[in-house]
Structures are given as C-alpha cells and as structure tokens.
Amino acid sequence: MLRHLKYTKAARQLAGMARQKAMDRDALYHGTRFAELILKTGVLFYSDPGQPKVSLTRSSEVAAYYALLERDYDEGRGSVSTTYPDCR
C-alpha cells in the first residue's frame, strides 16, 4: 500500500515556486540540499550511502518534500532544480 507524503506549508510554497519557474512546461524536478555544489559543478551527484542513483519526479511537491528533509551533512537549505526533457 502506498502512503502519501504529508506536505508542509513550506514544501507547498517551494513547490509552487518551482512550478512557476517551469511556466507550465513539461518538467522534471529534483529536490536537493546541495544546490551550490550543483551550480558550481553542473552535475547531479548520486546519493551516498545507498544505491547510486539520482531521483527525478514530475511532482514539484515531491521534490520540495525531499529538498526540505534535513540531513547531517548538507548546505543548510533545500532547493528544487528543474529540467525540461525533450518529450515527443
């Protein structure tokens, strides 16, 4: 059984800003606590520990939820990055 995530007011606000930036275009979102590293390197690094993967979602709320999860080792704030796949 799937359990739905509980979105906070902050997550909904961050998700709304990400959707607004996407301007109703077909988008994939990535929630992160390493925005500065991504901007500096231009690379999405996989999570550690665990399986080496980068997760993308079509839901800005899901991305915002994970962007706002505090970790022991992060940059101190969350952000949502957006990419626009060439879907035909």
PDB file of N, CA and C in Angstrom:
ATOM      1  N   MET A   1       0.844  -1.183   0.000  1.00  0.00           N
ATOM      2  CA  MET A   1       0.000   0.000   0.000  1.00  0.00           C
ATOM      3  C   MET A   1       0.887   1.243   0.000  1.00  0.00           C
ATOM      4  N   LEU A   2       0.546   2.194  -0.855  1.00  0.00           N
ATOM      5  CA  LEU A   2       1.276   3.447  -0.906  1.00  0.00           C
ATOM      6  C   LEU A   2       0.816   4.381   0.200  1.00  0.00           C
ATOM      7  N   ARG A   3       1.765   5.037   0.824  1.00  0.00           N
ATOM      8  CA  ARG A   3       1.426   6.063   1.806  1.00  0.00           C
ATOM      9  C   ARG A   3       1.747   7.412   1.197  1.00  0.00           C
ATOM     10  N   HIS A   4       0.861   8.341   1.344  1.00  0.00           N
ATOM     11  CA  HIS A   4       1.076   9.665   0.786  1.00  0.00           C
ATOM     12  C   HIS A   4       1.934  10.501   1.717  1.00  0.00           C
ATOM     13  N   LEU A   5       2.755  11.338   1.132  1.00  0.00           N
ATOM     14  CA  LEU A   5       3.597  12.234   1.899  1.00  0.00           C
ATOM     15  C   LEU A   5       2.745  13.365   2.464  1.00  0.00           C
ATOM     16  N   LYS A   6       3.118  13.841   3.623  1.00  0.00           N
ATOM     17  CA  LYS A   6       2.452  14.995   4.236  1.00  0.00           C
ATOM     18  C   LYS A   6       3.282  16.228   3.907  1.00  0.00           C
ATOM     19  N   TYR A   7       2.718  17.116   3.108  1.00  0.00           N
ATOM     20  CA  TYR A   7       3.449  18.302   2.689  1.00  0.00           C
ATOM     21  C   TYR A   7       3.217  19.442   3.666  1.00  0.00           C
ATOM     22  N   THR A   8       4.301  20.055   4.099  1.00  0.00           N
ATOM     23  CA  THR A   8       4.219  21.212   4.978  1.00  0.00           C
ATOM     24  C   THR A   8       3.900  22.452   4.150  1.00  0.00           C
ATOM     25  N   LYS A   9       3.576  23.516   4.831  1.00  0.00           N
ATOM     26  CA  LYS A   9       3.316  24.786   4.153  1.00  0.00           C
ATOM     27  C   LYS A   9       4.560  25.237   3.388  1.00  0.00           C
ATOM     28  N   ALA A  10       5.733  25.041   3.990  1.00  0.00           N
ATOM     29  CA  ALA A  10       6.987  25.423   3.330  1.00  0.00           C
ATOM     30  C   ALA A  10       7.220  24.598   2.067  1.00  0.00           C
ATOM     31  N   ALA A  11       6.905  23.306   2.119  1.00  0.00           N
ATOM     32  CA  ALA A  11       7.080  22.438   0.943  1.00  0.00           C
ATOM     33  C   ALA A  11       6.131  22.869  -0.171  1.00  0.00           C
ATOM     34  N   ARG A  12       4.900  23.190   0.188  1.00  0.00           N
ATOM     35  CA  ARG A  12       3.939  23.634  -0.831  1.00  0.00           C
ATOM     36  C   ARG A  12       4.375  24.959  -1.459  1.00  0.00           C
ATOM     37  N   GLN A  13       4.937  25.842  -0.650  1.00  0.00           N
ATOM     38  CA  GLN A  13       5.407  27.130  -1.155  1.00  0.00           C
ATOM     39  C   GLN A  13       6.596  26.929  -2.104  1.00  0.00           C
ATOM     40  N   LEU A  14       7.551  26.084  -1.723  1.00  0.00           N
ATOM     41  CA  LEU A  14       8.711  25.800  -2.567  1.00  0.00           C
ATOM     42  C   LEU A  14       8.261  25.125  -3.865  1.00  0.00           C
ATOM     43  N   ALA A  15       7.308  24.206  -3.774  1.00  0.00           N
ATOM     44  CA  ALA A  15       6.783  23.525  -4.954  1.00  0.00           C
ATOM     45  C   ALA A  15       6.107  24.518  -5.899  1.00  0.00           C
ATOM     46  N   GLY A  16       5.375  25.453  -5.330  1.00  0.00           N
ATOM     47  CA  GLY A  16       4.711  26.470  -6.145  1.00  0.00           C
ATOM     48  C   GLY A  16       5.713  27.341  -6.889  1.00  0.00           C
ATOM     49  N   MET A  17       6.804  27.703  -6.228  1.00  0.00           N
ATOM     50  CA  MET A  17       7.837  28.496  -6.890  1.00  0.00           C
ATOM     51  C   MET A  17       8.488  27.709  -8.024  1.00  0.00           C
ATOM     52  N   ALA A  18       8.719  26.411  -7.804  1.00  0.00           N
ATOM     53  CA  ALA A  18       9.320  25.569  -8.850  1.00  0.00           C
ATOM     54  C   ALA A  18       8.381  25.456 -10.052  1.00  0.00           C
ATOM     55  N   ARG A  19       7.083  25.259  -9.791  1.00  0.00           N
ATOM     56  CA  ARG A  19       6.107  25.180 -10.882  1.00  0.00           C
ATOM     57  C   ARG A  19       6.035  26.500 -11.644  1.00  0.00           C
ATOM     58  N   GLN A  20       6.112  27.587 -10.909  1.00  0.00           N
ATOM     59  CA  GLN A  20       6.062  28.915 -11.527  1.00  0.00           C
ATOM     60  C   GLN A  20       7.266  29.118 -12.455  1.00  0.00           C
ATOM     61  N   LYS A  21       8.440  28.671 -12.015  1.00  0.00           N
ATOM     62  CA  LYS A  21       9.643  28.766 -12.844  1.00  0.00           C
ATOM     63  C   LYS A  21       9.512  27.920 -14.101  1.00  0.00           C
ATOM     64  N   ALA A  22       8.836  26.773 -13.979  1.00  0.00           N
ATOM     65  CA  ALA A  22       8.658  25.881 -15.131  1.00  0.00           C
ATOM     66  C   ALA A  22       7.690  26.468 -16.154  1.00  0.00           C
ATOM     67  N   MET A  23       6.890  27.434 -15.762  1.00  0.00           N
ATOM     68  CA  MET A  23       5.950  28.136 -16.637  1.00  0.00           C
ATOM     69  C   MET A  23       5.074  27.172 -17.444  1.00  0.00           C
ATOM     70  N   ASP A  24       4.477  26.211 -16.766  1.00  0.00           N
ATOM     71  CA  ASP A  24       3.549  25.252 -17.374  1.00  0.00           C
ATOM     72  C   ASP A  24       4.179  24.406 -18.482  1.00  0.00           C
ATOM     73  N   ARG A  25       5.502  24.314 -18.517  1.00  0.00           N
ATOM     74  CA  ARG A  25       6.163  23.433 -19.479  1.00  0.00           C
ATOM     75  C   ARG A  25       6.294  22.045 -18.869  1.00  0.00           C
ATOM     76  N   ASP A  26       6.451  21.037 -19.699  1.00  0.00           N
ATOM     77  CA  ASP A  26       6.691  19.675 -19.249  1.00  0.00           C
ATOM     78  C   ASP A  26       8.034  19.654 -18.531  1.00  0.00           C
ATOM     79  N   ALA A  27       8.057  19.317 -17.252  1.00  0.00           N
ATOM     80  CA  ALA A  27       9.285  19.442 -16.470  1.00  0.00           C
ATOM     81  C   ALA A  27       9.513  18.229 -15.583  1.00  0.00           C
ATOM     82  N   LEU A  28      10.788  18.010 -15.262  1.00  0.00           N
ATOM     83  CA  LEU A  28      11.196  17.059 -14.236  1.00  0.00           C
ATOM     84  C   LEU A  28      11.844  17.866 -13.127  1.00  0.00           C
ATOM     85  N   TYR A  29      11.587  17.477 -11.886  1.00  0.00           N
ATOM     86  CA  TYR A  29      12.097  18.203 -10.728  1.00  0.00           C
ATOM     87  C   TYR A  29      13.026  17.312  -9.916  1.00  0.00           C
ATOM     88  N   HIS A  30      13.994  17.955  -9.240  1.00  0.00           N
ATOM     89  CA  HIS A  30      14.917  17.259  -8.346  1.00  0.00           C
ATOM     90  C   HIS A  30      15.047  18.076  -7.072  1.00  0.00           C
ATOM     91  N   GLY A  31      14.689  17.472  -5.940  1.00  0.00           N
ATOM     92  CA  GLY A  31      14.831  18.146  -4.654  1.00  0.00           C
ATOM     93  C   GLY A  31      16.213  17.882  -4.089  1.00  0.00           C
ATOM     94  N   THR A  32      16.883  18.927  -3.640  1.00  0.00           N
ATOM     95  CA  THR A  32      18.262  18.766  -3.168  1.00  0.00           C
ATOM     96  C   THR A  32      18.568  19.694  -2.003  1.00  0.00           C
ATOM     97  N   ARG A  33      19.572  19.318  -1.239  1.00  0.00           N
ATOM     98  CA  ARG A  33      20.125  20.184  -0.196  1.00  0.00           C
ATOM     99  C   ARG A  33      21.559  20.556  -0.561  1.00  0.00           C
ATOM    100  N   PHE A  34      21.907  20.390  -1.841  1.00  0.00           N
ATOM    101  CA  PHE A  34      23.256  20.680  -2.336  1.00  0.00           C
ATOM    102  C   PHE A  34      23.209  21.561  -3.582  1.00  0.00           C
ATOM    103  N   ALA A  35      22.406  22.605  -3.562  1.00  0.00           N
ATOM    104  CA  ALA A  35      22.231  23.469  -4.729  1.00  0.00           C
ATOM    105  C   ALA A  35      23.527  24.163  -5.135  1.00  0.00           C
ATOM    106  N   GLU A  36      24.297  24.634  -4.183  1.00  0.00           N
ATOM    107  CA  GLU A  36      25.554  25.326  -4.512  1.00  0.00           C
ATOM    108  C   GLU A  36      26.518  24.399  -5.234  1.00  0.00           C
ATOM    109  N   LEU A  37      26.621  23.159  -4.778  1.00  0.00           N
ATOM    110  CA  LEU A  37      27.504  22.183  -5.424  1.00  0.00           C
ATOM    111  C   LEU A  37      27.035  21.894  -6.848  1.00  0.00           C
ATOM    112  N   ILE A  38      25.729  21.769  -7.031  1.00  0.00           N
ATOM    113  CA  ILE A  38      25.185  21.518  -8.365  1.00  0.00           C
ATOM    114  C   ILE A  38      25.472  22.705  -9.287  1.00  0.00           C
ATOM    115  N   LEU A  39      25.279  23.929  -8.794  1.00  0.00           N
ATOM    116  CA  LEU A  39      25.553  25.116  -9.605  1.00  0.00           C
ATOM    117  C   LEU A  39      27.035  25.232  -9.940  1.00  0.00           C
ATOM    118  N   LYS A  40      27.887  24.911  -8.976  1.00  0.00           N
ATOM    119  CA  LYS A  40      29.335  25.021  -9.175  1.00  0.00           C
ATOM    120  C   LYS A  40      29.857  23.996 -10.174  1.00  0.00           C
ATOM    121  N   THR A  41      29.356  22.757 -10.095  1.00  0.00           N
ATOM    122  CA  THR A  41      29.889  21.673 -10.929  1.00  0.00           C
ATOM    123  C   THR A  41      29.060  21.382 -12.169  1.00  0.00           C
ATOM    124  N   GLY A  42      27.770  21.744 -12.143  1.00  0.00           N
ATOM    125  CA  GLY A  42      26.884  21.416 -13.246  1.00  0.00           C
ATOM    126  C   GLY A  42      26.511  19.944 -13.291  1.00  0.00           C
ATOM    127  N   VAL A  43      26.646  19.254 -12.152  1.00  0.00           N
ATOM    128  CA  VAL A  43      26.423  17.810 -12.088  1.00  0.00           C
ATOM    129  C   VAL A  43      25.492  17.480 -10.928  1.00  0.00           C
ATOM    130  N   LEU A  44      24.565  16.543 -11.161  1.00  0.00           N
ATOM    131  CA  LEU A  44      23.775  15.963 -10.074  1.00  0.00           C
ATOM    132  C   LEU A  44      24.505  14.697  -9.622  1.00  0.00           C
ATOM    133  N   PHE A  45      25.045  14.701  -8.430  1.00  0.00           N
ATOM    134  CA  PHE A  45      25.734  13.529  -7.904  1.00  0.00           C
ATOM    135  C   PHE A  45      24.729  12.604  -7.245  1.00  0.00           C
ATOM    136  N   TYR A  46      24.988  11.314  -7.299  1.00  0.00           N
ATOM    137  CA  TYR A  46      24.091  10.353  -6.665  1.00  0.00           C
ATOM    138  C   TYR A  46      24.245  10.389  -5.155  1.00  0.00           C
ATOM    139  N   SER A  47      23.211   9.897  -4.475  1.00  0.00           N
ATOM    140  CA  SER A  47      23.191   9.927  -3.012  1.00  0.00           C
ATOM    141  C   SER A  47      24.148   8.882  -2.448  1.00  0.00           C
ATOM    142  N   ASP A  48      24.646   9.174  -1.276  1.00  0.00           N
ATOM    143  CA  ASP A  48      25.542   8.263  -0.582  1.00  0.00           C
ATOM    144  C   ASP A  48      25.187   8.343   0.892  1.00  0.00           C
ATOM    145  N   PRO A  49      24.921   7.326   1.604  1.00  0.00           N
ATOM    146  CA  PRO A  49      25.012   5.904   1.260  1.00  0.00           C
ATOM    147  C   PRO A  49      23.781   5.444   0.492  1.00  0.00           C
ATOM    148  N   GLY A  50      23.806   4.205   0.089  1.00  0.00           N
ATOM    149  CA  GLY A  50      22.670   3.629  -0.621  1.00  0.00           C
ATOM    150  C   GLY A  50      23.001   3.317  -2.055  1.00  0.00           C
ATOM    151  N   GLN A  51      21.963   3.054  -2.810  1.00  0.00           N
ATOM    152  CA  GLN A  51      22.124   2.736  -4.223  1.00  0.00           C
ATOM    153  C   GLN A  51      22.547   3.993  -4.986  1.00  0.00           C
ATOM    154  N   PRO A  52      23.525   3.871  -5.888  1.00  0.00           N
ATOM    155  CA  PRO A  52      23.937   5.038  -6.667  1.00  0.00           C
ATOM    156  C   PRO A  52      22.873   5.408  -7.696  1.00  0.00           C
ATOM    157  N   LYS A  53      22.093   6.449  -7.408  1.00  0.00           N
ATOM    158  CA  LYS A  53      21.058   6.903  -8.327  1.00  0.00           C
ATOM    159  C   LYS A  53      20.723   8.360  -8.047  1.00  0.00           C
ATOM    160  N   VAL A  54      20.185   9.005  -9.038  1.00  0.00           N
ATOM    161  CA  VAL A  54      19.658  10.363  -8.926  1.00  0.00           C
ATOM    162  C   VAL A  54      18.174  10.255  -9.214  1.00  0.00           C
ATOM    163  N   SER A  55      17.350  10.799  -8.334  1.00  0.00           N
ATOM    164  CA  SER A  55      15.900  10.699  -8.494  1.00  0.00           C
ATOM    165  C   SER A  55      15.315  11.988  -9.039  1.00  0.00           C
ATOM    166  N   LEU A  56      14.480  11.840 -10.050  1.00  0.00           N
ATOM    167  CA  LEU A  56      13.737  12.951 -10.640  1.00  0.00           C
ATOM    168  C   LEU A  56      12.259  12.622 -10.521  1.00  0.00           C
ATOM    169  N   THR A  57      11.429  13.640 -10.481  1.00  0.00           N
ATOM    170  CA  THR A  57       9.987  13.436 -10.370  1.00  0.00           C
ATOM    171  C   THR A  57       9.256  14.469 -11.206  1.00  0.00           C
ATOM    172  N   ARG A  58       8.050  14.139 -11.605  1.00  0.00           N
ATOM    173  CA  ARG A  58       7.199  15.115 -12.297  1.00  0.00           C
ATOM    174  C   ARG A  58       6.410  15.964 -11.304  1.00  0.00           C
ATOM    175  N   SER A  59       6.508  15.625 -10.015  1.00  0.00           N
ATOM    176  CA  SER A  59       5.777  16.350  -8.974  1.00  0.00           C
ATOM    177  C   SER A  59       6.698  17.336  -8.262  1.00  0.00           C
ATOM    178  N   SER A  60       6.376  18.611  -8.365  1.00  0.00           N
ATOM    179  CA  SER A  60       7.181  19.616  -7.657  1.00  0.00           C
ATOM    180  C   SER A  60       7.018  19.476  -6.146  1.00  0.00           C
ATOM    181  N   GLU A  61       5.857  18.959  -5.689  1.00  0.00           N
ATOM    182  CA  GLU A  61       5.646  18.753  -4.254  1.00  0.00           C
ATOM    183  C   GLU A  61       6.575  17.667  -3.702  1.00  0.00           C
ATOM    184  N   VAL A  62       6.738  16.583  -4.446  1.00  0.00           N
ATOM    185  CA  VAL A  62       7.634  15.506  -4.004  1.00  0.00           C
ATOM    186  C   VAL A  62       9.074  16.021  -3.947  1.00  0.00           C
ATOM    187  N   ALA A  63       9.487  16.761  -4.967  1.00  0.00           N
ATOM    188  CA  ALA A  63      10.839  17.326  -4.974  1.00  0.00           C
ATOM    189  C   ALA A  63      11.040  18.269  -3.795  1.00  0.00           C
ATOM    190  N   ALA A  64      10.059  19.116  -3.516  1.00  0.00           N
ATOM    191  CA  ALA A  64      10.160  20.058  -2.396  1.00  0.00           C
ATOM    192  C   ALA A  64      10.212  19.316  -1.067  1.00  0.00           C
ATOM    193  N   TYR A  65       9.421  18.260  -0.934  1.00  0.00           N
ATOM    194  CA  TYR A  65       9.429  17.461   0.302  1.00  0.00           C
ATOM    195  C   TYR A  65      10.846  16.968   0.595  1.00  0.00           C
ATOM    196  N   TYR A  66      11.492  16.377  -0.402  1.00  0.00           N
ATOM    197  CA  TYR A  66      12.840  15.839  -0.195  1.00  0.00           C
ATOM    198  C   TYR A  66      13.888  16.938  -0.077  1.00  0.00           C
ATOM    199  N   ALA A  67      13.663  18.071  -0.711  1.00  0.00           N
ATOM    200  CA  ALA A  67      14.593  19.192  -0.589  1.00  0.00           C
ATOM    201  C   ALA A  67      14.605  19.752   0.830  1.00  0.00           C
ATOM    202  N   LEU A  68      13.476  19.636   1.522  1.00  0.00           N
ATOM    203  CA  LEU A  68      13.375  20.213   2.866  1.00  0.00           C
ATOM    204  C   LEU A  68      13.665  19.215   3.979  1.00  0.00           C
ATOM    205  N   LEU A  69      13.989  17.966   3.640  1.00  0.00           N
ATOM    206  CA  LEU A  69      14.393  16.991   4.668  1.00  0.00           C
ATOM    207  C   LEU A  69      15.813  17.324   5.116  1.00  0.00           C
ATOM    208  N   GLU A  70      15.968  17.653   6.382  1.00  0.00           N
ATOM    209  CA  GLU A  70      17.297  17.989   6.880  1.00  0.00           C
ATOM    210  C   GLU A  70      18.143  16.736   6.998  1.00  0.00           C
ATOM    211  N   ARG A  71      19.429  16.917   6.725  1.00  0.00           N
ATOM    212  CA  ARG A  71      20.393  15.829   6.826  1.00  0.00           C
ATOM    213  C   ARG A  71      21.545  16.266   7.719  1.00  0.00           C
ATOM    214  N   ASP A  72      22.365  15.317   8.109  1.00  0.00           N
ATOM    215  CA  ASP A  72      23.513  15.643   8.951  1.00  0.00           C
ATOM    216  C   ASP A  72      24.602  16.379   8.170  1.00  0.00           C
ATOM    217  N   TYR A  73      24.595  16.222   6.877  1.00  0.00           N
ATOM    218  CA  TYR A  73      25.666  16.758   6.033  1.00  0.00           C
ATOM    219  C   TYR A  73      25.043  17.421   4.803  1.00  0.00           C
ATOM    220  N   ASP A  74      24.721  18.656   4.873  1.00  0.00           N
ATOM    221  CA  ASP A  74      24.166  19.346   3.710  1.00  0.00           C
ATOM    222  C   ASP A  74      24.558  20.807   3.757  1.00  0.00           C
ATOM    223  N   GLU A  75      24.075  21.580   2.812  1.00  0.00           N
ATOM    224  CA  GLU A  75      24.417  23.001   2.721  1.00  0.00           C
ATOM    225  C   GLU A  75      23.523  23.887   3.574  1.00  0.00           C
ATOM    226  N   GLY A  76      22.567  23.295   4.267  1.00  0.00           N
ATOM    227  CA  GLY A  76      21.764  24.062   5.201  1.00  0.00           C
ATOM    228  C   GLY A  76      20.433  24.556   4.688  1.00  0.00           C
ATOM    229  N   ARG A  77      20.153  24.376   3.403  1.00  0.00           N
ATOM    230  CA  ARG A  77      18.845  24.767   2.880  1.00  0.00           C
ATOM    231  C   ARG A  77      18.536  23.941   1.640  1.00  0.00           C
ATOM    232  N   GLY A  78      17.264  23.807   1.384  1.00  0.00           N
ATOM    233  CA  GLY A  78      16.828  22.993   0.258  1.00  0.00           C
ATOM    234  C   GLY A  78      16.453  23.827  -0.948  1.00  0.00           C
ATOM    235  N   SER A  79      16.501  23.189  -2.102  1.00  0.00           N
ATOM    236  CA  SER A  79      16.055  23.839  -3.329  1.00  0.00           C
ATOM    237  C   SER A  79      15.560  22.778  -4.299  1.00  0.00           C
ATOM    238  N   VAL A  80      14.839  23.225  -5.284  1.00  0.00           N
ATOM    239  CA  VAL A  80      14.322  22.323  -6.310  1.00  0.00           C
ATOM    240  C   VAL A  80      14.894  22.771  -7.641  1.00  0.00           C
ATOM    241  N   SER A  81      15.551  21.835  -8.319  1.00  0.00           N
ATOM    242  CA  SER A  81      16.036  22.140  -9.665  1.00  0.00           C
ATOM    243  C   SER A  81      15.048  21.585 -10.671  1.00  0.00           C
ATOM    244  N   THR A  82      15.013  22.184 -11.822  1.00  0.00           N
ATOM    245  CA  THR A  82      14.053  21.835 -12.862  1.00  0.00           C
ATOM    246  C   THR A  82      14.787  21.570 -14.164  1.00  0.00           C
ATOM    247  N   THR A  83      14.367  20.533 -14.856  1.00  0.00           N
ATOM    248  CA  THR A  83      14.907  20.245 -16.183  1.00  0.00           C
ATOM    249  C   THR A  83      13.742  19.987 -17.121  1.00  0.00           C
ATOM    250  N   TYR A  84      13.965  20.226 -18.384  1.00  0.00           N
ATOM    251  CA  TYR A  84      12.907  20.103 -19.375  1.00  0.00           C
ATOM    252  C   TYR A  84      13.305  19.051 -20.398  1.00  0.00           C
ATOM    253  N   PRO A  85      12.755  17.843 -20.274  1.00  0.00           N
ATOM    254  CA  PRO A  85      13.122  16.779 -21.211  1.00  0.00           C
ATOM    255  C   PRO A  85      12.525  17.038 -22.587  1.00  0.00           C
ATOM    256  N   ASP A  86      13.188  16.524 -23.590  1.00  0.00           N
ATOM    257  CA  ASP A  86      12.676  16.650 -24.949  1.00  0.00           C
ATOM    258  C   ASP A  86      11.739  15.474 -25.189  1.00  0.00           C
ATOM    259  N   CYS A  87      10.488  15.622 -24.813  1.00  0.00           N
ATOM    260  CA  CYS A  87       9.489  14.561 -24.949  1.00  0.00           C
ATOM    261  C   CYS A  87       8.702  14.776 -26.230  1.00  0.00           C
ATOM    262  N   ARG A  88       8.638  13.763 -27.047  1.00  0.00           N
ATOM    263  CA  ARG A  88       7.874  13.876 -28.297  1.00  0.00           C
ATOM    264  C   ARG A  88       6.910  12.752 -28.402  1.00  0.00           C
TER     265      ARG A  88
END
